[in-house]
Amino acid sequence: MAASLVALFVLAACGSGSAGGSSSPETGGPGGAFPATVTHEFGTTTIPAAPQRVVSLGYTDQDAILALGVVPVGIREFTGNQPSATWPWAQPKLAGQTPTVLPVGDVSTEAIAALRPDLIVGISAGLTQETYDTYSKIAPTIAQPAGFVDYGTPWQDATRLTGQALGKAAEADKLVADLEARFAQVKQQYPTLVGKSVAGVRPSSNDNASFFVWGSQDLRARAFEAMGMVTPAEFNTLAGNQFYATVSTEELSRLDQVDVLVLITSSAQERQAFESLPGYANLEAVKEGKVVVLDDQQSAALSFSSALSLPSVLDTLPGQLAAKLG
């Protein structure tokens, strides 16, 4: 669990916030009315009425909830120590409310129960059957859909699943369609990206002798692939049933197989740490000037890979990649 959180960019500092926030979804489930039944990897969850107090338990679930016009009463901290654990691309959706910020680490049942939720969204929470059962005793709980690794649910599935639970299926479908159209536009605007191989990397926070590279089951890699790019098969093999692989710094040259390298870090110190790895200067991408270094907000937006964060990614990253690829 700790390694997964590190790879997700969880910072040591946890945010805090005052209690607040309220949910005001319109009545109507996926079929237009409540009760609504949502299917996920642990079975089905029935939401008896339009939720009024939603807890965003997953690390990135708040974005889909906010995109659908609902302000959670509680939001799980993820990265960046932002106000209300909400980055600038989603801040306007808070409508001046200040949800309670839940910690990065274990969230106690007492903390959740104190928010008096009528829906808990844990799509990106990495829930186990045990934790799902525990939270379900407090309120109807939504886990990730079956078929994906923990923390690897595509934004389309997360948005639609959230929309079903909130009675906003039509709105969710429109969000998905609009953003998929943006990705299609990017592929047309930047044809040089199509078919090019890419590796998203960051230094390991576990030791100084390894680094992380993300595989195709990761949200960041999914975004690259939606732009028409390719994740090398070797990285997917190394990742196995996880969304990222840990590679020894002695094998840094594995990165020579990609056309462009993207440093996805959460601080200037992490960027410097990766650039200081032995052999970094000798990488083909470095020598050819084909390295894109994301700033903190770009890195966070790509890591969230949500219906709210990805538009900001598409405003800048495709052009940066295309410039490096010529």
C-alpha atoms as a PDB file:
ATOM      1  CA  MET A   1       0.000   0.000   0.000  1.00  0.00           C
ATOM      2  CA  ALA A   2       2.824   2.394   0.936  1.00  0.00           C
ATOM      3  CA  ALA A   3       4.618   1.798  -2.358  1.00  0.00           C
ATOM      4  CA  SER A   4       1.416   2.384  -4.295  1.00  0.00           C
ATOM      5  CA  LEU A   5       0.845   5.696  -2.542  1.00  0.00           C
ATOM      6  CA  VAL A   6       4.392   6.796  -3.256  1.00  0.00           C
ATOM      7  CA  ALA A   7       3.902   6.072  -6.934  1.00  0.00           C
ATOM      8  CA  LEU A   8       0.629   7.983  -6.822  1.00  0.00           C
ATOM      9  CA  PHE A   9       2.532  11.106  -5.662  1.00  0.00           C
ATOM     10  CA  VAL A  10       1.233  11.142  -2.130  1.00  0.00           C
ATOM     11  CA  LEU A  11       3.231  13.682  -0.169  1.00  0.00           C
ATOM     12  CA  ALA A  12       4.078  13.273   3.496  1.00  0.00           C
ATOM     13  CA  ALA A  13       2.135  16.361   4.528  1.00  0.00           C
ATOM     14  CA  CYS A  14      -1.613  15.919   4.936  1.00  0.00           C
ATOM     15  CA  GLY A  15      -3.993  18.795   4.424  1.00  0.00           C
ATOM     16  CA  SER A  16      -6.635  19.840   6.902  1.00  0.00           C
ATOM     17  CA  GLY A  17      -9.896  21.653   6.442  1.00  0.00           C
ATOM     18  CA  SER A  18     -12.943  22.803   8.288  1.00  0.00           C
ATOM     19  CA  ALA A  19     -16.120  20.787   8.165  1.00  0.00           C
ATOM     20  CA  GLY A  20     -18.448  21.863   5.447  1.00  0.00           C
ATOM     21  CA  GLY A  21     -19.660  21.114   1.972  1.00  0.00           C
ATOM     22  CA  SER A  22     -22.964  19.757   0.869  1.00  0.00           C
ATOM     23  CA  SER A  23     -24.208  17.657  -1.983  1.00  0.00           C
ATOM     24  CA  SER A  24     -27.141  18.750  -4.070  1.00  0.00           C
ATOM     25  CA  PRO A  25     -27.542  16.282  -6.927  1.00  0.00           C
ATOM     26  CA  GLU A  26     -30.661  16.210  -8.993  1.00  0.00           C
ATOM     27  CA  THR A  27     -33.008  13.310  -8.512  1.00  0.00           C
ATOM     28  CA  GLY A  28     -32.541  10.513 -11.012  1.00  0.00           C
ATOM     29  CA  GLY A  29     -30.374   7.404 -11.231  1.00  0.00           C
ATOM     30  CA  PRO A  30     -28.932   5.773 -14.331  1.00  0.00           C
ATOM     31  CA  GLY A  31     -32.455   5.014 -15.433  1.00  0.00           C
ATOM     32  CA  GLY A  32     -33.751   8.434 -14.409  1.00  0.00           C
ATOM     33  CA  ALA A  33     -34.873   7.666 -10.862  1.00  0.00           C
ATOM     34  CA  PHE A  34     -33.724   6.411  -7.488  1.00  0.00           C
ATOM     35  CA  PRO A  35     -33.088   3.929  -6.040  1.00  0.00           C
ATOM     36  CA  ALA A  36     -29.997   3.512  -8.208  1.00  0.00           C
ATOM     37  CA  THR A  37     -27.965   0.307  -8.346  1.00  0.00           C
ATOM     38  CA  VAL A  38     -24.278   0.526  -9.197  1.00  0.00           C
ATOM     39  CA  THR A  39     -22.086  -2.477 -10.062  1.00  0.00           C
ATOM     40  CA  HIS A  40     -18.416  -2.605  -9.022  1.00  0.00           C
ATOM     41  CA  GLU A  41     -15.732  -5.185  -8.243  1.00  0.00           C
ATOM     42  CA  PHE A  42     -17.306  -6.194  -4.928  1.00  0.00           C
ATOM     43  CA  GLY A  43     -20.820  -6.614  -6.262  1.00  0.00           C
ATOM     44  CA  THR A  44     -23.602  -4.042  -6.355  1.00  0.00           C
ATOM     45  CA  THR A  45     -24.505  -1.062  -4.231  1.00  0.00           C
ATOM     46  CA  THR A  46     -27.954   0.454  -4.043  1.00  0.00           C
ATOM     47  CA  ILE A  47     -28.339   4.167  -3.363  1.00  0.00           C
ATOM     48  CA  PRO A  48     -31.908   4.605  -2.107  1.00  0.00           C
ATOM     49  CA  ALA A  49     -32.262   8.341  -2.750  1.00  0.00           C
ATOM     50  CA  ALA A  50     -30.368  11.234  -4.286  1.00  0.00           C
ATOM     51  CA  PRO A  51     -27.233  11.610  -2.089  1.00  0.00           C
ATOM     52  CA  GLN A  52     -26.974  14.792  -0.072  1.00  0.00           C
ATOM     53  CA  ARG A  53     -23.725  14.134   1.854  1.00  0.00           C
ATOM     54  CA  VAL A  54     -21.062  12.512  -0.312  1.00  0.00           C
ATOM     55  CA  VAL A  55     -17.633  11.514   0.997  1.00  0.00           C
ATOM     56  CA  SER A  56     -14.878  11.343  -1.612  1.00  0.00           C
ATOM     57  CA  LEU A  57     -12.741   8.535  -0.180  1.00  0.00           C
ATOM     58  CA  GLY A  58     -10.646   7.813  -3.265  1.00  0.00           C
ATOM     59  CA  TYR A  59      -7.537   9.880  -3.827  1.00  0.00           C
ATOM     60  CA  THR A  60      -8.871  11.446  -7.026  1.00  0.00           C
ATOM     61  CA  ASP A  61     -12.619  10.797  -6.806  1.00  0.00           C
ATOM     62  CA  GLN A  62     -13.444  14.380  -5.877  1.00  0.00           C
ATOM     63  CA  ASP A  63     -12.855  15.596  -9.430  1.00  0.00           C
ATOM     64  CA  ALA A  64     -15.599  13.484 -11.002  1.00  0.00           C
ATOM     65  CA  ILE A  65     -17.948  14.319  -8.142  1.00  0.00           C
ATOM     66  CA  LEU A  66     -17.261  18.047  -8.494  1.00  0.00           C
ATOM     67  CA  ALA A  67     -17.485  17.890 -12.282  1.00  0.00           C
ATOM     68  CA  LEU A  68     -21.029  16.583 -11.854  1.00  0.00           C
ATOM     69  CA  GLY A  69     -22.024  19.550  -9.715  1.00  0.00           C
ATOM     70  CA  VAL A  70     -21.790  17.950  -6.283  1.00  0.00           C
ATOM     71  CA  VAL A  71     -19.581  19.273  -3.473  1.00  0.00           C
ATOM     72  CA  PRO A  72     -18.422  16.456  -1.166  1.00  0.00           C
ATOM     73  CA  VAL A  73     -18.597  16.886   2.588  1.00  0.00           C
ATOM     74  CA  GLY A  74     -15.192  15.185   2.847  1.00  0.00           C
ATOM     75  CA  ILE A  75     -12.253  14.892   0.411  1.00  0.00           C
ATOM     76  CA  ARG A  76      -9.244  12.575   0.736  1.00  0.00           C
ATOM     77  CA  GLU A  77      -5.827  14.238   0.587  1.00  0.00           C
ATOM     78  CA  PHE A  78      -3.703  13.147  -2.369  1.00  0.00           C
ATOM     79  CA  THR A  79      -0.851  15.438  -3.324  1.00  0.00           C
ATOM     80  CA  GLY A  80       0.201  19.059  -3.130  1.00  0.00           C
ATOM     81  CA  ASN A  81      -1.454  20.128   0.116  1.00  0.00           C
ATOM     82  CA  GLN A  82      -3.974  22.240  -1.800  1.00  0.00           C
ATOM     83  CA  PRO A  83      -6.871  24.079  -0.107  1.00  0.00           C
ATOM     84  CA  SER A  84      -9.630  21.547   0.582  1.00  0.00           C
ATOM     85  CA  ALA A  85      -7.351  18.978  -1.114  1.00  0.00           C
ATOM     86  CA  THR A  86      -8.560  20.463  -4.404  1.00  0.00           C
ATOM     87  CA  TRP A  87      -6.286  21.704  -7.180  1.00  0.00           C
ATOM     88  CA  PRO A  88      -6.916  24.931  -9.145  1.00  0.00           C
ATOM     89  CA  TRP A  89      -8.587  23.145 -12.069  1.00  0.00           C
ATOM     90  CA  ALA A  90     -11.359  22.025  -9.692  1.00  0.00           C
ATOM     91  CA  GLN A  91     -11.412  24.850  -7.128  1.00  0.00           C
ATOM     92  CA  PRO A  92     -14.253  26.812  -8.786  1.00  0.00           C
ATOM     93  CA  LYS A  93     -16.473  23.741  -8.475  1.00  0.00           C
ATOM     94  CA  LEU A  94     -16.301  24.009  -4.664  1.00  0.00           C
ATOM     95  CA  ALA A  95     -18.561  27.076  -4.902  1.00  0.00           C
ATOM     96  CA  GLY A  96     -16.956  28.583  -1.806  1.00  0.00           C
ATOM     97  CA  GLN A  97     -17.517  25.516   0.366  1.00  0.00           C
ATOM     98  CA  THR A  98     -14.757  23.940   2.475  1.00  0.00           C
ATOM     99  CA  PRO A  99     -15.082  20.158   2.718  1.00  0.00           C
ATOM    100  CA  THR A 100     -13.345  18.321   5.525  1.00  0.00           C
ATOM    101  CA  VAL A 101      -9.963  16.984   4.400  1.00  0.00           C
ATOM    102  CA  LEU A 102      -9.367  13.319   5.173  1.00  0.00           C
ATOM    103  CA  PRO A 103      -5.803  12.021   5.623  1.00  0.00           C
ATOM    104  CA  VAL A 104      -3.591  10.338   3.045  1.00  0.00           C
ATOM    105  CA  GLY A 105      -3.118   7.312   5.280  1.00  0.00           C
ATOM    106  CA  ASP A 106      -5.712   5.218   7.043  1.00  0.00           C
ATOM    107  CA  VAL A 107      -9.095   6.867   7.389  1.00  0.00           C
ATOM    108  CA  SER A 108     -10.887   5.762  10.530  1.00  0.00           C
ATOM    109  CA  THR A 109     -14.496   4.712  10.500  1.00  0.00           C
ATOM    110  CA  GLU A 110     -15.072   7.345  13.174  1.00  0.00           C
ATOM    111  CA  ALA A 111     -13.835  10.104  10.870  1.00  0.00           C
ATOM    112  CA  ILE A 112     -16.094   8.932   8.064  1.00  0.00           C
ATOM    113  CA  ALA A 113     -19.116   8.401  10.306  1.00  0.00           C
ATOM    114  CA  ALA A 114     -18.698  11.885  11.778  1.00  0.00           C
ATOM    115  CA  LEU A 115     -19.424  13.341   8.329  1.00  0.00           C
ATOM    116  CA  ARG A 116     -22.807  11.564   8.291  1.00  0.00           C
ATOM    117  CA  PRO A 117     -22.465  10.449   4.653  1.00  0.00           C
ATOM    118  CA  ASP A 118     -25.226   8.952   2.583  1.00  0.00           C
ATOM    119  CA  LEU A 119     -22.728   7.906  -0.120  1.00  0.00           C
ATOM    120  CA  ILE A 120     -19.021   7.001   0.025  1.00  0.00           C
ATOM    121  CA  VAL A 121     -17.147   7.051  -3.304  1.00  0.00           C
ATOM    122  CA  GLY A 122     -14.008   4.911  -3.132  1.00  0.00           C
ATOM    123  CA  ILE A 123     -13.225   4.255  -6.789  1.00  0.00           C
ATOM    124  CA  SER A 124      -9.591   5.343  -6.440  1.00  0.00           C
ATOM    125  CA  ALA A 125      -9.182   4.285  -2.818  1.00  0.00           C
ATOM    126  CA  GLY A 126      -7.649   0.854  -3.446  1.00  0.00           C
ATOM    127  CA  LEU A 127     -10.344  -0.781  -1.340  1.00  0.00           C
ATOM    128  CA  THR A 128     -10.099  -4.418  -0.313  1.00  0.00           C
ATOM    129  CA  GLN A 129     -13.121  -6.567   0.392  1.00  0.00           C
ATOM    130  CA  GLU A 130     -12.492  -5.995   4.098  1.00  0.00           C
ATOM    131  CA  THR A 131     -12.272  -2.212   3.898  1.00  0.00           C
ATOM    132  CA  TYR A 132     -15.221  -2.087   1.533  1.00  0.00           C
ATOM    133  CA  ASP A 133     -17.315  -4.087   3.988  1.00  0.00           C
ATOM    134  CA  THR A 134     -16.242  -1.787   6.814  1.00  0.00           C
ATOM    135  CA  TYR A 135     -17.154   1.446   5.041  1.00  0.00           C
ATOM    136  CA  SER A 136     -20.375  -0.053   3.708  1.00  0.00           C
ATOM    137  CA  LYS A 137     -21.610  -0.350   7.278  1.00  0.00           C
ATOM    138  CA  ILE A 138     -21.521   3.447   7.462  1.00  0.00           C
ATOM    139  CA  ALA A 139     -23.150   4.296   4.133  1.00  0.00           C
ATOM    140  CA  PRO A 140     -23.602   2.893   0.616  1.00  0.00           C
ATOM    141  CA  THR A 141     -20.061   2.604  -0.772  1.00  0.00           C
ATOM    142  CA  ILE A 142     -18.858   2.522  -4.372  1.00  0.00           C
ATOM    143  CA  ALA A 143     -15.617   0.681  -5.187  1.00  0.00           C
ATOM    144  CA  GLN A 144     -13.752   0.568  -8.490  1.00  0.00           C
ATOM    145  CA  PRO A 145     -15.199  -1.442 -11.373  1.00  0.00           C
ATOM    146  CA  ALA A 146     -13.899  -4.944 -11.963  1.00  0.00           C
ATOM    147  CA  GLY A 147     -11.133  -5.559 -14.464  1.00  0.00           C
ATOM    148  CA  PHE A 148      -8.628  -2.879 -13.450  1.00  0.00           C
ATOM    149  CA  VAL A 149      -5.642  -2.790 -11.110  1.00  0.00           C
ATOM    150  CA  ASP A 150      -5.973  -0.731  -7.942  1.00  0.00           C
ATOM    151  CA  TYR A 151      -5.667   2.989  -8.751  1.00  0.00           C
ATOM    152  CA  GLY A 152      -5.920   2.170 -12.459  1.00  0.00           C
ATOM    153  CA  THR A 153      -9.585   2.834 -13.271  1.00  0.00           C
ATOM    154  CA  PRO A 154      -9.766   4.901 -16.479  1.00  0.00           C
ATOM    155  CA  TRP A 155     -11.285   8.327 -16.063  1.00  0.00           C
ATOM    156  CA  GLN A 156     -14.154   7.393 -18.379  1.00  0.00           C
ATOM    157  CA  ASP A 157     -15.220   4.487 -16.153  1.00  0.00           C
ATOM    158  CA  ALA A 158     -14.730   6.493 -12.968  1.00  0.00           C
ATOM    159  CA  THR A 159     -16.808   9.374 -14.320  1.00  0.00           C
ATOM    160  CA  ARG A 160     -19.641   7.140 -15.488  1.00  0.00           C
ATOM    161  CA  LEU A 161     -19.695   5.111 -12.286  1.00  0.00           C
ATOM    162  CA  THR A 162     -19.836   8.308 -10.234  1.00  0.00           C
ATOM    163  CA  GLY A 163     -22.593   9.646 -12.460  1.00  0.00           C
ATOM    164  CA  GLN A 164     -24.687   6.537 -11.898  1.00  0.00           C
ATOM    165  CA  ALA A 165     -24.318   6.825  -8.130  1.00  0.00           C
ATOM    166  CA  LEU A 166     -25.230  10.511  -8.147  1.00  0.00           C
ATOM    167  CA  GLY A 167     -28.178  10.131 -10.482  1.00  0.00           C
ATOM    168  CA  LYS A 168     -26.319  12.072 -13.170  1.00  0.00           C
ATOM    169  CA  ALA A 169     -25.622   9.420 -15.787  1.00  0.00           C
ATOM    170  CA  ALA A 170     -26.472  11.664 -18.730  1.00  0.00           C
ATOM    171  CA  GLU A 171     -24.204  14.433 -17.464  1.00  0.00           C
ATOM    172  CA  ALA A 172     -21.405  11.927 -16.958  1.00  0.00           C
ATOM    173  CA  ASP A 173     -21.789  10.594 -20.489  1.00  0.00           C
ATOM    174  CA  LYS A 174     -21.514  14.138 -21.851  1.00  0.00           C
ATOM    175  CA  LEU A 175     -18.343  14.808 -19.840  1.00  0.00           C
ATOM    176  CA  VAL A 176     -16.813  11.649 -21.274  1.00  0.00           C
ATOM    177  CA  ALA A 177     -17.873  12.397 -24.837  1.00  0.00           C
ATOM    178  CA  ASP A 178     -16.591  15.979 -24.697  1.00  0.00           C
ATOM    179  CA  LEU A 179     -13.203  15.013 -23.288  1.00  0.00           C
ATOM    180  CA  GLU A 180     -12.756  12.094 -25.678  1.00  0.00           C
ATOM    181  CA  ALA A 181     -13.417  14.580 -28.484  1.00  0.00           C
ATOM    182  CA  ARG A 182     -10.588  16.725 -27.093  1.00  0.00           C
ATOM    183  CA  PHE A 183      -8.216  13.758 -27.233  1.00  0.00           C
ATOM    184  CA  ALA A 184      -9.269  13.040 -30.818  1.00  0.00           C
ATOM    185  CA  GLN A 185      -8.589  16.665 -31.675  1.00  0.00           C
ATOM    186  CA  VAL A 186      -5.105  16.416 -30.148  1.00  0.00           C
ATOM    187  CA  LYS A 187      -4.276  13.409 -32.325  1.00  0.00           C
ATOM    188  CA  GLN A 188      -5.309  15.376 -35.401  1.00  0.00           C
ATOM    189  CA  GLN A 189      -3.468  18.523 -34.336  1.00  0.00           C
ATOM    190  CA  TYR A 190      -0.258  16.709 -33.365  1.00  0.00           C
ATOM    191  CA  PRO A 191       0.130  13.739 -35.742  1.00  0.00           C
ATOM    192  CA  THR A 192       3.812  13.529 -34.844  1.00  0.00           C
ATOM    193  CA  LEU A 193       2.794  11.998 -31.488  1.00  0.00           C
ATOM    194  CA  VAL A 194       1.006   9.030 -33.048  1.00  0.00           C
ATOM    195  CA  GLY A 195       3.011   5.831 -32.709  1.00  0.00           C
ATOM    196  CA  LYS A 196       5.841   7.421 -30.746  1.00  0.00           C
ATOM    197  CA  SER A 197       6.981   5.583 -27.610  1.00  0.00           C
ATOM    198  CA  VAL A 198       7.005   7.373 -24.269  1.00  0.00           C
ATOM    199  CA  ALA A 199       8.045   6.658 -20.690  1.00  0.00           C
ATOM    200  CA  GLY A 200       6.734   8.553 -17.685  1.00  0.00           C
ATOM    201  CA  VAL A 201       9.249   8.327 -14.842  1.00  0.00           C
ATOM    202  CA  ARG A 202      10.119   9.590 -11.379  1.00  0.00           C
ATOM    203  CA  PRO A 203      12.738   8.723  -8.751  1.00  0.00           C
ATOM    204  CA  SER A 204      11.820   6.103  -6.187  1.00  0.00           C
ATOM    205  CA  SER A 205      10.943   7.386  -2.744  1.00  0.00           C
ATOM    206  CA  ASN A 206      11.825   4.015  -1.231  1.00  0.00           C
ATOM    207  CA  ASP A 207      15.561   4.169  -1.902  1.00  0.00           C
ATOM    208  CA  ASN A 208      18.256   5.815  -4.003  1.00  0.00           C
ATOM    209  CA  ALA A 209      18.888   2.721  -6.093  1.00  0.00           C
ATOM    210  CA  SER A 210      15.712   2.566  -8.177  1.00  0.00           C
ATOM    211  CA  PHE A 211      13.175   4.607 -10.100  1.00  0.00           C
ATOM    212  CA  PHE A 212       9.547   4.227 -11.127  1.00  0.00           C
ATOM    213  CA  VAL A 213       8.200   3.901 -14.664  1.00  0.00           C
ATOM    214  CA  TRP A 214       4.471   3.679 -15.345  1.00  0.00           C
ATOM    215  CA  GLY A 215       2.827   0.932 -17.374  1.00  0.00           C
ATOM    216  CA  SER A 216      -0.274   0.969 -19.570  1.00  0.00           C
ATOM    217  CA  GLN A 217      -2.598   0.281 -16.636  1.00  0.00           C
ATOM    218  CA  ASP A 218      -1.600   3.606 -15.084  1.00  0.00           C
ATOM    219  CA  LEU A 219      -3.690   6.728 -15.604  1.00  0.00           C
ATOM    220  CA  ARG A 220      -0.725   8.752 -16.868  1.00  0.00           C
ATOM    221  CA  ALA A 221       0.179   6.131 -19.446  1.00  0.00           C
ATOM    222  CA  ARG A 222      -3.467   5.893 -20.488  1.00  0.00           C
ATOM    223  CA  ALA A 223      -3.418   9.646 -21.195  1.00  0.00           C
ATOM    224  CA  PHE A 224      -0.308   9.334 -23.373  1.00  0.00           C
ATOM    225  CA  GLU A 225      -1.876   6.448 -25.262  1.00  0.00           C
ATOM    226  CA  ALA A 226      -5.088   8.426 -25.794  1.00  0.00           C
ATOM    227  CA  MET A 227      -2.909  10.996 -27.581  1.00  0.00           C
ATOM    228  CA  GLY A 228      -1.760   8.215 -29.892  1.00  0.00           C
ATOM    229  CA  MET A 229       1.506   7.381 -28.146  1.00  0.00           C
ATOM    230  CA  VAL A 230       2.807   3.949 -27.137  1.00  0.00           C
ATOM    231  CA  THR A 231       4.050   2.429 -23.869  1.00  0.00           C
ATOM    232  CA  PRO A 232       6.887  -0.060 -24.497  1.00  0.00           C
ATOM    233  CA  ALA A 233       5.802  -3.650 -23.862  1.00  0.00           C
ATOM    234  CA  GLU A 234       8.822  -4.196 -21.626  1.00  0.00           C
ATOM    235  CA  PHE A 235       7.525  -1.698 -19.071  1.00  0.00           C
ATOM    236  CA  ASN A 236       4.140  -3.415 -18.992  1.00  0.00           C
ATOM    237  CA  THR A 237       5.867  -6.736 -18.384  1.00  0.00           C
ATOM    238  CA  LEU A 238       7.927  -5.239 -15.554  1.00  0.00           C
ATOM    239  CA  ALA A 239       4.814  -3.680 -13.998  1.00  0.00           C
ATOM    240  CA  GLY A 240       2.935  -6.983 -14.026  1.00  0.00           C
ATOM    241  CA  ASN A 241      -0.322  -6.636 -12.098  1.00  0.00           C
ATOM    242  CA  GLN A 242       0.577  -3.171 -10.827  1.00  0.00           C
ATOM    243  CA  PHE A 243       0.291   0.175 -12.551  1.00  0.00           C
ATOM    244  CA  TYR A 244       4.007   0.916 -12.278  1.00  0.00           C
ATOM    245  CA  ALA A 245       7.354  -0.872 -12.307  1.00  0.00           C
ATOM    246  CA  THR A 246      10.335  -0.376 -10.034  1.00  0.00           C
ATOM    247  CA  VAL A 247      13.583  -0.449 -11.991  1.00  0.00           C
ATOM    248  CA  SER A 248      17.141  -0.432 -10.654  1.00  0.00           C
ATOM    249  CA  THR A 249      19.096   2.719 -11.441  1.00  0.00           C
ATOM    250  CA  GLU A 250      21.757   0.380 -12.828  1.00  0.00           C
ATOM    251  CA  GLU A 251      19.252  -0.373 -15.587  1.00  0.00           C
ATOM    252  CA  LEU A 252      18.534   3.252 -16.432  1.00  0.00           C
ATOM    253  CA  SER A 253      19.525   2.490 -20.028  1.00  0.00           C
ATOM    254  CA  ARG A 254      16.198   0.626 -20.428  1.00  0.00           C
ATOM    255  CA  LEU A 255      14.831   4.101 -21.104  1.00  0.00           C
ATOM    256  CA  ASP A 256      16.859   4.337 -24.315  1.00  0.00           C
ATOM    257  CA  GLN A 257      14.110   2.466 -26.154  1.00  0.00           C
ATOM    258  CA  VAL A 258      11.652   5.368 -25.961  1.00  0.00           C
ATOM    259  CA  ASP A 259      11.295   8.305 -28.324  1.00  0.00           C
ATOM    260  CA  VAL A 260      10.571  10.778 -25.538  1.00  0.00           C
ATOM    261  CA  LEU A 261      11.012  10.789 -21.775  1.00  0.00           C
ATOM    262  CA  VAL A 262       8.624  12.601 -19.399  1.00  0.00           C
ATOM    263  CA  LEU A 263       9.624  13.444 -15.826  1.00  0.00           C
ATOM    264  CA  ILE A 264       6.437  13.390 -13.734  1.00  0.00           C
ATOM    265  CA  THR A 265       7.445  14.516 -10.270  1.00  0.00           C
ATOM    266  CA  SER A 266       5.887  16.415  -7.395  1.00  0.00           C
ATOM    267  CA  SER A 267       8.737  18.792  -6.534  1.00  0.00           C
ATOM    268  CA  ALA A 268      11.878  20.432  -7.849  1.00  0.00           C
ATOM    269  CA  GLN A 269      13.863  18.209  -5.478  1.00  0.00           C
ATOM    270  CA  GLU A 270      12.460  15.069  -7.101  1.00  0.00           C
ATOM    271  CA  ARG A 271      13.209  16.381 -10.562  1.00  0.00           C
ATOM    272  CA  GLN A 272      16.780  17.151  -9.531  1.00  0.00           C
ATOM    273  CA  ALA A 273      17.096  13.710  -7.937  1.00  0.00           C
ATOM    274  CA  PHE A 274      16.163  11.986 -11.176  1.00  0.00           C
ATOM    275  CA  GLU A 275      18.414  14.173 -13.279  1.00  0.00           C
ATOM    276  CA  SER A 276      21.263  13.352 -10.874  1.00  0.00           C
ATOM    277  CA  LEU A 277      20.977   9.586 -11.344  1.00  0.00           C
ATOM    278  CA  PRO A 278      24.187   7.983 -12.625  1.00  0.00           C
ATOM    279  CA  GLY A 279      23.913   7.577 -16.376  1.00  0.00           C
ATOM    280  CA  TYR A 280      21.099  10.102 -16.850  1.00  0.00           C
ATOM    281  CA  ALA A 281      23.226  12.408 -18.993  1.00  0.00           C
ATOM    282  CA  ASN A 282      24.069   9.485 -21.270  1.00  0.00           C
ATOM    283  CA  LEU A 283      20.469   8.562 -22.067  1.00  0.00           C
ATOM    284  CA  GLU A 284      19.599   8.922 -25.743  1.00  0.00           C
ATOM    285  CA  ALA A 285      16.570  11.091 -24.940  1.00  0.00           C
ATOM    286  CA  VAL A 286      18.713  13.446 -22.869  1.00  0.00           C
ATOM    287  CA  LYS A 287      21.436  13.729 -25.493  1.00  0.00           C
ATOM    288  CA  GLU A 288      18.867  14.364 -28.217  1.00  0.00           C
ATOM    289  CA  GLY A 289      16.901  16.883 -26.162  1.00  0.00           C
ATOM    290  CA  LYS A 290      13.790  14.719 -26.034  1.00  0.00           C
ATOM    291  CA  VAL A 291      12.935  15.079 -22.344  1.00  0.00           C
ATOM    292  CA  VAL A 292       9.804  16.865 -21.123  1.00  0.00           C
ATOM    293  CA  VAL A 293       9.950  18.005 -17.503  1.00  0.00           C
ATOM    294  CA  LEU A 294       6.528  18.703 -16.019  1.00  0.00           C
ATOM    295  CA  ASP A 295       6.004  21.290 -13.300  1.00  0.00           C
ATOM    296  CA  ASP A 296       4.167  20.444 -10.086  1.00  0.00           C
ATOM    297  CA  GLN A 297       0.700  21.352 -11.350  1.00  0.00           C
ATOM    298  CA  GLN A 298       1.136  19.568 -14.680  1.00  0.00           C
ATOM    299  CA  SER A 299       2.375  16.487 -12.842  1.00  0.00           C
ATOM    300  CA  ALA A 300      -0.576  16.539 -10.470  1.00  0.00           C
ATOM    301  CA  ALA A 301      -3.086  17.085 -13.285  1.00  0.00           C
ATOM    302  CA  LEU A 302      -1.692  14.134 -15.229  1.00  0.00           C
ATOM    303  CA  SER A 303      -1.633  12.006 -12.075  1.00  0.00           C
ATOM    304  CA  PHE A 304      -5.276  12.816 -11.327  1.00  0.00           C
ATOM    305  CA  SER A 305      -6.206  12.154 -14.979  1.00  0.00           C
ATOM    306  CA  SER A 306      -9.786  13.171 -14.323  1.00  0.00           C
ATOM    307  CA  ALA A 307     -12.580  14.814 -16.248  1.00  0.00           C
ATOM    308  CA  LEU A 308     -11.526  18.117 -14.663  1.00  0.00           C
ATOM    309  CA  SER A 309      -7.732  17.832 -14.735  1.00  0.00           C
ATOM    310  CA  LEU A 310      -7.145  16.387 -18.207  1.00  0.00           C
ATOM    311  CA  PRO A 311      -8.369  19.455 -20.127  1.00  0.00           C
ATOM    312  CA  SER A 312      -5.552  21.467 -18.541  1.00  0.00           C
ATOM    313  CA  VAL A 313      -3.117  18.707 -19.505  1.00  0.00           C
ATOM    314  CA  LEU A 314      -4.282  18.827 -23.111  1.00  0.00           C
ATOM    315  CA  ASP A 315      -3.809  22.599 -23.171  1.00  0.00           C
ATOM    316  CA  THR A 316      -0.039  22.262 -22.728  1.00  0.00           C
ATOM    317  CA  LEU A 317       1.461  18.763 -22.790  1.00  0.00           C
ATOM    318  CA  PRO A 318       0.765  17.683 -26.392  1.00  0.00           C
ATOM    319  CA  GLY A 319       2.509  20.785 -27.687  1.00  0.00           C
ATOM    320  CA  GLN A 320       5.485  20.181 -25.402  1.00  0.00           C
ATOM    321  CA  LEU A 321       5.777  16.587 -26.565  1.00  0.00           C
ATOM    322  CA  ALA A 322       5.443  17.521 -30.223  1.00  0.00           C
ATOM    323  CA  ALA A 323       8.149  20.178 -29.867  1.00  0.00           C
ATOM    324  CA  LYS A 324      10.585  17.627 -28.468  1.00  0.00           C
ATOM    325  CA  LEU A 325       9.761  15.070 -31.150  1.00  0.00           C
ATOM    326  CA  GLY A 326      10.151  17.561 -33.952  1.00  0.00           C
END
